[in-house]
């Protein structure tokens, strides 16, 4: 005896796997090309999805929008550049692909808890003598969902 859910479950499962693979490709592209001009429409075109569908699926899979993920990657990279100390805040902003210093500074402050200029001054003192790989881990921003999970434990 045939049941409707049996007939549709295999194609639905295959579609879900296909969507997850495309979402991984989008996430990998953001990780690789964070400094390039990227927008949701371009990312969606690259995996043959509509921008709305990509945004909904990405948020469902990773807990944040593609734009939020992109900005987090950019801020993480900017943190590294600011710790190094050879670029000022404006240069770091543009080096990571942000075109607005105001948006960059706001997002940086939101994620890191202090403005980029204060971060640069503090991290120079805090990570002095620390290997870069350790400094990166110690100074990594905590996203909202990670912060709430760590408070529960």
C-alpha atoms as a PDB file:
ATOM      1  CA  UNK A   1       0.000   0.000   0.000  1.00  0.00           C
ATOM      2  CA  UNK A   2       1.393   3.412  -1.024  1.00  0.00           C
ATOM      3  CA  UNK A   3       1.446   6.332   1.366  1.00  0.00           C
ATOM      4  CA  UNK A   4       1.879   9.875   0.138  1.00  0.00           C
ATOM      5  CA  UNK A   5       4.632  10.644   2.654  1.00  0.00           C
ATOM      6  CA  UNK A   6       6.704   7.707   1.387  1.00  0.00           C
ATOM      7  CA  UNK A   7       6.464   8.945  -2.176  1.00  0.00           C
ATOM      8  CA  UNK A   8       7.480  12.521  -1.309  1.00  0.00           C
ATOM      9  CA  UNK A   9      10.000  11.862   1.472  1.00  0.00           C
ATOM     10  CA  UNK A  10      12.854  10.665  -0.753  1.00  0.00           C
ATOM     11  CA  UNK A  11      12.694  13.643  -3.146  1.00  0.00           C
ATOM     12  CA  UNK A  12      12.307  15.995  -0.167  1.00  0.00           C
ATOM     13  CA  UNK A  13      15.346  14.466   1.539  1.00  0.00           C
ATOM     14  CA  UNK A  14      17.343  14.703  -1.689  1.00  0.00           C
ATOM     15  CA  UNK A  15      16.292  18.354  -2.076  1.00  0.00           C
ATOM     16  CA  UNK A  16      17.317  19.083   1.510  1.00  0.00           C
ATOM     17  CA  UNK A  17      20.781  17.566   0.928  1.00  0.00           C
ATOM     18  CA  UNK A  18      21.112  19.536  -2.287  1.00  0.00           C
ATOM     19  CA  UNK A  19      20.147  22.763  -0.484  1.00  0.00           C
ATOM     20  CA  UNK A  20      22.641  22.061   2.319  1.00  0.00           C
ATOM     21  CA  UNK A  21      25.421  21.484  -0.214  1.00  0.00           C
ATOM     22  CA  UNK A  22      24.560  24.794  -1.907  1.00  0.00           C
ATOM     23  CA  UNK A  23      24.500  26.570   1.462  1.00  0.00           C
ATOM     24  CA  UNK A  24      27.949  25.164   2.265  1.00  0.00           C
ATOM     25  CA  UNK A  25      29.191  26.494  -1.076  1.00  0.00           C
ATOM     26  CA  UNK A  26      27.803  29.942  -0.204  1.00  0.00           C
ATOM     27  CA  UNK A  27      29.412  29.858   3.258  1.00  0.00           C
ATOM     28  CA  UNK A  28      32.732  28.703   1.767  1.00  0.00           C
ATOM     29  CA  UNK A  29      32.567  31.482  -0.826  1.00  0.00           C
ATOM     30  CA  UNK A  30      31.983  34.069   1.911  1.00  0.00           C
ATOM     31  CA  UNK A  31      34.932  32.651   3.889  1.00  0.00           C
ATOM     32  CA  UNK A  32      37.147  32.830   0.785  1.00  0.00           C
ATOM     33  CA  UNK A  33      35.945  36.087  -0.800  1.00  0.00           C
ATOM     34  CA  UNK A  34      34.929  38.163   2.245  1.00  0.00           C
ATOM     35  CA  UNK A  35      37.034  41.135   1.051  1.00  0.00           C
ATOM     36  CA  UNK A  36      35.297  41.256  -2.339  1.00  0.00           C
ATOM     37  CA  UNK A  37      32.030  43.082  -2.935  1.00  0.00           C
ATOM     38  CA  UNK A  38      29.461  40.412  -2.066  1.00  0.00           C
ATOM     39  CA  UNK A  39      25.721  40.743  -1.734  1.00  0.00           C
ATOM     40  CA  UNK A  40      22.951  38.229  -1.177  1.00  0.00           C
ATOM     41  CA  UNK A  41      21.749  38.498  -4.788  1.00  0.00           C
ATOM     42  CA  UNK A  42      25.211  37.612  -6.162  1.00  0.00           C
ATOM     43  CA  UNK A  43      25.621  34.767  -3.660  1.00  0.00           C
ATOM     44  CA  UNK A  44      22.160  33.429  -4.553  1.00  0.00           C
ATOM     45  CA  UNK A  45      22.846  33.607  -8.304  1.00  0.00           C
ATOM     46  CA  UNK A  46      26.007  31.579  -7.749  1.00  0.00           C
ATOM     47  CA  UNK A  47      23.964  28.639  -6.422  1.00  0.00           C
ATOM     48  CA  UNK A  48      20.810  29.124  -8.544  1.00  0.00           C
ATOM     49  CA  UNK A  49      18.579  30.234  -5.669  1.00  0.00           C
ATOM     50  CA  UNK A  50      16.514  33.353  -5.184  1.00  0.00           C
ATOM     51  CA  UNK A  51      17.918  35.828  -2.680  1.00  0.00           C
ATOM     52  CA  UNK A  52      14.929  35.331  -0.372  1.00  0.00           C
ATOM     53  CA  UNK A  53      15.181  31.545  -0.464  1.00  0.00           C
ATOM     54  CA  UNK A  54      18.932  31.670   0.168  1.00  0.00           C
ATOM     55  CA  UNK A  55      18.476  34.014   3.134  1.00  0.00           C
ATOM     56  CA  UNK A  56      15.763  31.831   4.712  1.00  0.00           C
ATOM     57  CA  UNK A  57      17.681  28.583   4.138  1.00  0.00           C
ATOM     58  CA  UNK A  58      21.000  30.046   5.322  1.00  0.00           C
ATOM     59  CA  UNK A  59      19.432  31.398   8.513  1.00  0.00           C
ATOM     60  CA  UNK A  60      17.772  28.031   9.136  1.00  0.00           C
ATOM     61  CA  UNK A  61      21.048  26.145   8.671  1.00  0.00           C
ATOM     62  CA  UNK A  62      23.497  28.543  10.372  1.00  0.00           C
ATOM     63  CA  UNK A  63      21.369  30.677  12.683  1.00  0.00           C
ATOM     64  CA  UNK A  64      22.144  33.997  10.996  1.00  0.00           C
ATOM     65  CA  UNK A  65      21.673  35.719   7.663  1.00  0.00           C
ATOM     66  CA  UNK A  66      24.302  35.529   4.908  1.00  0.00           C
ATOM     67  CA  UNK A  67      24.995  39.252   5.438  1.00  0.00           C
ATOM     68  CA  UNK A  68      25.522  38.776   9.170  1.00  0.00           C
ATOM     69  CA  UNK A  69      27.869  35.837   8.498  1.00  0.00           C
ATOM     70  CA  UNK A  70      29.804  37.934   5.965  1.00  0.00           C
ATOM     71  CA  UNK A  71      30.151  40.844   8.371  1.00  0.00           C
ATOM     72  CA  UNK A  72      31.354  38.516  11.136  1.00  0.00           C
ATOM     73  CA  UNK A  73      34.069  37.135   8.809  1.00  0.00           C
ATOM     74  CA  UNK A  74      35.081  40.685   7.892  1.00  0.00           C
ATOM     75  CA  UNK A  75      35.226  41.787  11.526  1.00  0.00           C
ATOM     76  CA  UNK A  76      37.278  38.708  12.505  1.00  0.00           C
ATOM     77  CA  UNK A  77      39.758  39.499   9.744  1.00  0.00           C
ATOM     78  CA  UNK A  78      39.831  43.180  10.722  1.00  0.00           C
ATOM     79  CA  UNK A  79      40.619  42.150  14.296  1.00  0.00           C
ATOM     80  CA  UNK A  80      43.686  40.316  13.011  1.00  0.00           C
ATOM     81  CA  UNK A  81      44.770  43.310  10.930  1.00  0.00           C
ATOM     82  CA  UNK A  82      44.277  45.693  13.848  1.00  0.00           C
ATOM     83  CA  UNK A  83      46.215  43.400  16.215  1.00  0.00           C
ATOM     84  CA  UNK A  84      49.101  43.349  13.760  1.00  0.00           C
ATOM     85  CA  UNK A  85      49.235  47.118  14.108  1.00  0.00           C
ATOM     86  CA  UNK A  86      50.441  48.095  10.637  1.00  0.00           C
ATOM     87  CA  UNK A  87      47.044  49.388   9.439  1.00  0.00           C
ATOM     88  CA  UNK A  88      44.840  52.074  10.936  1.00  0.00           C
ATOM     89  CA  UNK A  89      41.094  51.507  11.410  1.00  0.00           C
ATOM     90  CA  UNK A  90      40.099  53.046   8.061  1.00  0.00           C
ATOM     91  CA  UNK A  91      42.677  50.969   6.173  1.00  0.00           C
ATOM     92  CA  UNK A  92      41.525  47.779   7.951  1.00  0.00           C
ATOM     93  CA  UNK A  93      37.897  48.610   7.153  1.00  0.00           C
ATOM     94  CA  UNK A  94      38.563  48.842   3.428  1.00  0.00           C
ATOM     95  CA  UNK A  95      41.021  45.920   3.423  1.00  0.00           C
ATOM     96  CA  UNK A  96      38.286  43.532   4.594  1.00  0.00           C
ATOM     97  CA  UNK A  97      35.774  44.686   1.980  1.00  0.00           C
ATOM     98  CA  UNK A  98      33.660  47.163   3.932  1.00  0.00           C
ATOM     99  CA  UNK A  99      32.796  50.330   2.037  1.00  0.00           C
ATOM    100  CA  UNK A 100      31.350  52.277   4.969  1.00  0.00           C
ATOM    101  CA  UNK A 101      33.515  53.136   7.953  1.00  0.00           C
ATOM    102  CA  UNK A 102      30.376  53.899   9.978  1.00  0.00           C
ATOM    103  CA  UNK A 103      28.782  50.500   9.312  1.00  0.00           C
ATOM    104  CA  UNK A 104      32.100  48.776   9.942  1.00  0.00           C
ATOM    105  CA  UNK A 105      32.624  50.577  13.265  1.00  0.00           C
ATOM    106  CA  UNK A 106      29.045  49.898  14.409  1.00  0.00           C
ATOM    107  CA  UNK A 107      29.208  46.200  13.561  1.00  0.00           C
ATOM    108  CA  UNK A 108      32.701  45.883  15.050  1.00  0.00           C
ATOM    109  CA  UNK A 109      31.526  47.473  18.307  1.00  0.00           C
ATOM    110  CA  UNK A 110      28.442  45.236  18.363  1.00  0.00           C
ATOM    111  CA  UNK A 111      30.459  42.030  17.870  1.00  0.00           C
ATOM    112  CA  UNK A 112      33.596  42.839  19.843  1.00  0.00           C
ATOM    113  CA  UNK A 113      32.183  45.062  22.574  1.00  0.00           C
ATOM    114  CA  UNK A 114      34.373  48.077  21.868  1.00  0.00           C
ATOM    115  CA  UNK A 115      35.138  50.373  18.919  1.00  0.00           C
ATOM    116  CA  UNK A 116      37.909  49.271  16.536  1.00  0.00           C
ATOM    117  CA  UNK A 117      40.317  52.010  17.668  1.00  0.00           C
ATOM    118  CA  UNK A 118      39.953  50.971  21.322  1.00  0.00           C
ATOM    119  CA  UNK A 119      40.359  47.315  20.301  1.00  0.00           C
ATOM    120  CA  UNK A 120      43.567  48.125  18.457  1.00  0.00           C
ATOM    121  CA  UNK A 121      45.039  49.919  21.467  1.00  0.00           C
ATOM    122  CA  UNK A 122      43.974  47.215  23.939  1.00  0.00           C
ATOM    123  CA  UNK A 123      44.951  44.220  21.814  1.00  0.00           C
ATOM    124  CA  UNK A 124      48.423  45.590  21.225  1.00  0.00           C
ATOM    125  CA  UNK A 125      48.962  45.429  24.988  1.00  0.00           C
ATOM    126  CA  UNK A 126      46.979  42.237  25.685  1.00  0.00           C
ATOM    127  CA  UNK A 127      48.536  40.045  22.996  1.00  0.00           C
ATOM    128  CA  UNK A 128      52.121  41.289  23.211  1.00  0.00           C
ATOM    129  CA  UNK A 129      54.451  38.284  22.972  1.00  0.00           C
ATOM    130  CA  UNK A 130      51.594  35.868  22.220  1.00  0.00           C
ATOM    131  CA  UNK A 131      51.835  33.649  19.109  1.00  0.00           C
ATOM    132  CA  UNK A 132      49.380  34.879  16.439  1.00  0.00           C
ATOM    133  CA  UNK A 133      47.448  31.583  16.411  1.00  0.00           C
ATOM    134  CA  UNK A 134      46.787  31.879  20.163  1.00  0.00           C
ATOM    135  CA  UNK A 135      45.966  35.601  19.922  1.00  0.00           C
ATOM    136  CA  UNK A 136      43.407  34.853  17.206  1.00  0.00           C
ATOM    137  CA  UNK A 137      41.617  32.268  19.362  1.00  0.00           C
ATOM    138  CA  UNK A 138      41.703  34.365  22.528  1.00  0.00           C
ATOM    139  CA  UNK A 139      40.358  37.481  20.805  1.00  0.00           C
ATOM    140  CA  UNK A 140      37.731  35.836  18.571  1.00  0.00           C
ATOM    141  CA  UNK A 141      34.362  37.618  18.795  1.00  0.00           C
ATOM    142  CA  UNK A 142      31.504  35.725  20.425  1.00  0.00           C
ATOM    143  CA  UNK A 143      28.304  35.809  18.416  1.00  0.00           C
ATOM    144  CA  UNK A 144      25.046  36.355  20.236  1.00  0.00           C
ATOM    145  CA  UNK A 145      23.912  32.741  20.038  1.00  0.00           C
ATOM    146  CA  UNK A 146      27.312  31.504  21.255  1.00  0.00           C
ATOM    147  CA  UNK A 147      27.289  33.933  24.170  1.00  0.00           C
ATOM    148  CA  UNK A 148      23.831  32.793  25.265  1.00  0.00           C
ATOM    149  CA  UNK A 149      24.892  29.131  25.013  1.00  0.00           C
ATOM    150  CA  UNK A 150      28.008  29.701  27.109  1.00  0.00           C
ATOM    151  CA  UNK A 151      26.017  31.493  29.815  1.00  0.00           C
ATOM    152  CA  UNK A 152      23.770  28.455  30.188  1.00  0.00           C
ATOM    153  CA  UNK A 153      26.661  26.081  30.898  1.00  0.00           C
END
